Each structure stands twice: as structure tokens, then as C-alpha cells.
C-alpha atoms as a PDB file:
ATOM      1  CA  MET A   1     -91.935 -42.882-277.550  1.00  0.00           C
ATOM      2  CA  ALA A   2     -90.449 -40.343-279.888  1.00  0.00           C
ATOM      3  CA  ARG A   3     -86.947 -39.075-279.150  1.00  0.00           C
ATOM      4  CA  SER A   4     -88.363 -35.591-278.627  1.00  0.00           C
ATOM      5  CA  ASP A   5     -90.325 -36.959-275.646  1.00  0.00           C
ATOM      6  CA  ILE A   6     -87.156 -37.779-273.702  1.00  0.00           C
ATOM      7  CA  ALA A   7     -85.748 -35.201-271.296  1.00  0.00           C
ATOM      8  CA  ILE A   8     -82.473 -35.635-269.449  1.00  0.00           C
ATOM      9  CA  ARG A   9     -82.112 -33.784-266.172  1.00  0.00           C
ATOM     10  CA  ALA A  10     -80.294 -34.077-262.868  1.00  0.00           C
ATOM     11  CA  ALA A  11     -81.906 -36.449-260.396  1.00  0.00           C
ATOM     12  CA  ARG A  12     -84.097 -34.962-257.695  1.00  0.00           C
ATOM     13  CA  GLU A  13     -84.735 -36.252-254.203  1.00  0.00           C
ATOM     14  CA  GLY A  14     -88.243 -37.217-255.329  1.00  0.00           C
ATOM     15  CA  ASP A  15     -86.654 -39.638-257.811  1.00  0.00           C
ATOM     16  CA  LEU A  16     -85.124 -41.760-255.027  1.00  0.00           C
ATOM     17  CA  PRO A  17     -87.960 -44.327-254.805  1.00  0.00           C
ATOM     18  CA  ALA A  18     -87.674 -45.066-258.537  1.00  0.00           C
ATOM     19  CA  LEU A  19     -83.860 -45.125-258.442  1.00  0.00           C
ATOM     20  CA  VAL A  20     -83.901 -47.544-255.497  1.00  0.00           C
ATOM     21  CA  ALA A  21     -86.452 -49.761-257.263  1.00  0.00           C
ATOM     22  CA  ILE A  22     -84.245 -49.918-260.365  1.00  0.00           C
ATOM     23  CA  ALA A  23     -81.119 -50.693-258.335  1.00  0.00           C
ATOM     24  CA  ASN A  24     -82.914 -53.354-256.282  1.00  0.00           C
ATOM     25  CA  HIS A  25     -84.134 -55.058-259.448  1.00  0.00           C
ATOM     26  CA  TYR A  26     -80.544 -55.454-260.626  1.00  0.00           C
ATOM     27  CA  ILE A  27     -79.352 -56.532-257.169  1.00  0.00           C
ATOM     28  CA  GLU A  28     -81.988 -59.290-257.090  1.00  0.00           C
ATOM     29  CA  HIS A  29     -81.859 -60.459-260.703  1.00  0.00           C
ATOM     30  CA  THR A  30     -78.372 -59.860-262.096  1.00  0.00           C
ATOM     31  CA  HIS A  31     -74.700 -59.687-261.225  1.00  0.00           C
ATOM     32  CA  ALA A  32     -74.426 -56.070-262.356  1.00  0.00           C
ATOM     33  CA  MET A  33     -74.281 -54.560-258.869  1.00  0.00           C
ATOM     34  CA  PHE A  34     -71.396 -54.933-256.428  1.00  0.00           C
ATOM     35  CA  THR A  35     -73.691 -55.704-253.502  1.00  0.00           C
ATOM     36  CA  THR A  36     -76.220 -58.315-252.531  1.00  0.00           C
ATOM     37  CA  GLU A  37     -78.020 -56.145-249.970  1.00  0.00           C
ATOM     38  CA  LEU A  38     -81.197 -54.422-251.104  1.00  0.00           C
ATOM     39  CA  GLN A  39     -81.238 -50.665-250.819  1.00  0.00           C
ATOM     40  CA  THR A  40     -83.774 -48.475-249.041  1.00  0.00           C
ATOM     41  CA  VAL A  41     -84.839 -44.940-249.867  1.00  0.00           C
ATOM     42  CA  GLU A  42     -83.712 -43.845-246.390  1.00  0.00           C
ATOM     43  CA  GLY A  43     -80.307 -45.432-246.898  1.00  0.00           C
ATOM     44  CA  ARG A  44     -79.822 -43.850-250.315  1.00  0.00           C
ATOM     45  CA  LYS A  45     -80.859 -40.398-249.074  1.00  0.00           C
ATOM     46  CA  THR A  46     -77.494 -39.939-247.336  1.00  0.00           C
ATOM     47  CA  TRP A  47     -75.711 -40.927-250.565  1.00  0.00           C
ATOM     48  CA  PHE A  48     -77.950 -38.596-252.575  1.00  0.00           C
ATOM     49  CA  ASP A  49     -77.286 -35.680-250.234  1.00  0.00           C
ATOM     50  CA  ILE A  50     -73.554 -36.087-250.944  1.00  0.00           C
ATOM     51  CA  TYR A  51     -73.539 -37.037-254.651  1.00  0.00           C
ATOM     52  CA  GLY A  52     -76.962 -36.155-256.066  1.00  0.00           C
ATOM     53  CA  ALA A  53     -78.739 -33.037-257.208  1.00  0.00           C
ATOM     54  CA  GLY A  54     -76.135 -31.958-259.752  1.00  0.00           C
ATOM     55  CA  ARG A  55     -73.037 -32.390-257.588  1.00  0.00           C
END
């Protein structure tokens, strides 16, 4: 992938499934997260409503 193919933008609500999948990977396979409980899209929606979408 060329650098010109990368776009950085604020997260959107539609990104939540991918964000949760990434977080859950690190919860299951590393010590990088400060939790051992897997996340759900529904559970992260409340967090996203407060902190996401460019806030």
C-alpha cells in the first residue's frame, strides 16, 4: 500500500465492529489492554457516543 492510499479520519459509528474486533484481539492475546473482559459493539456504543465522532 502506498502512503498516498492511507487516509486518517475521525472514527464513525459504523467503525465500531472493527474497533471492537481489534480491541478484543489484544485483550485475548496480549497484556496491552487493562481489562480481561471482551468488549461488545453494544457496550462500546455508549463510550463512542461520549468520546467518539470527533469529540
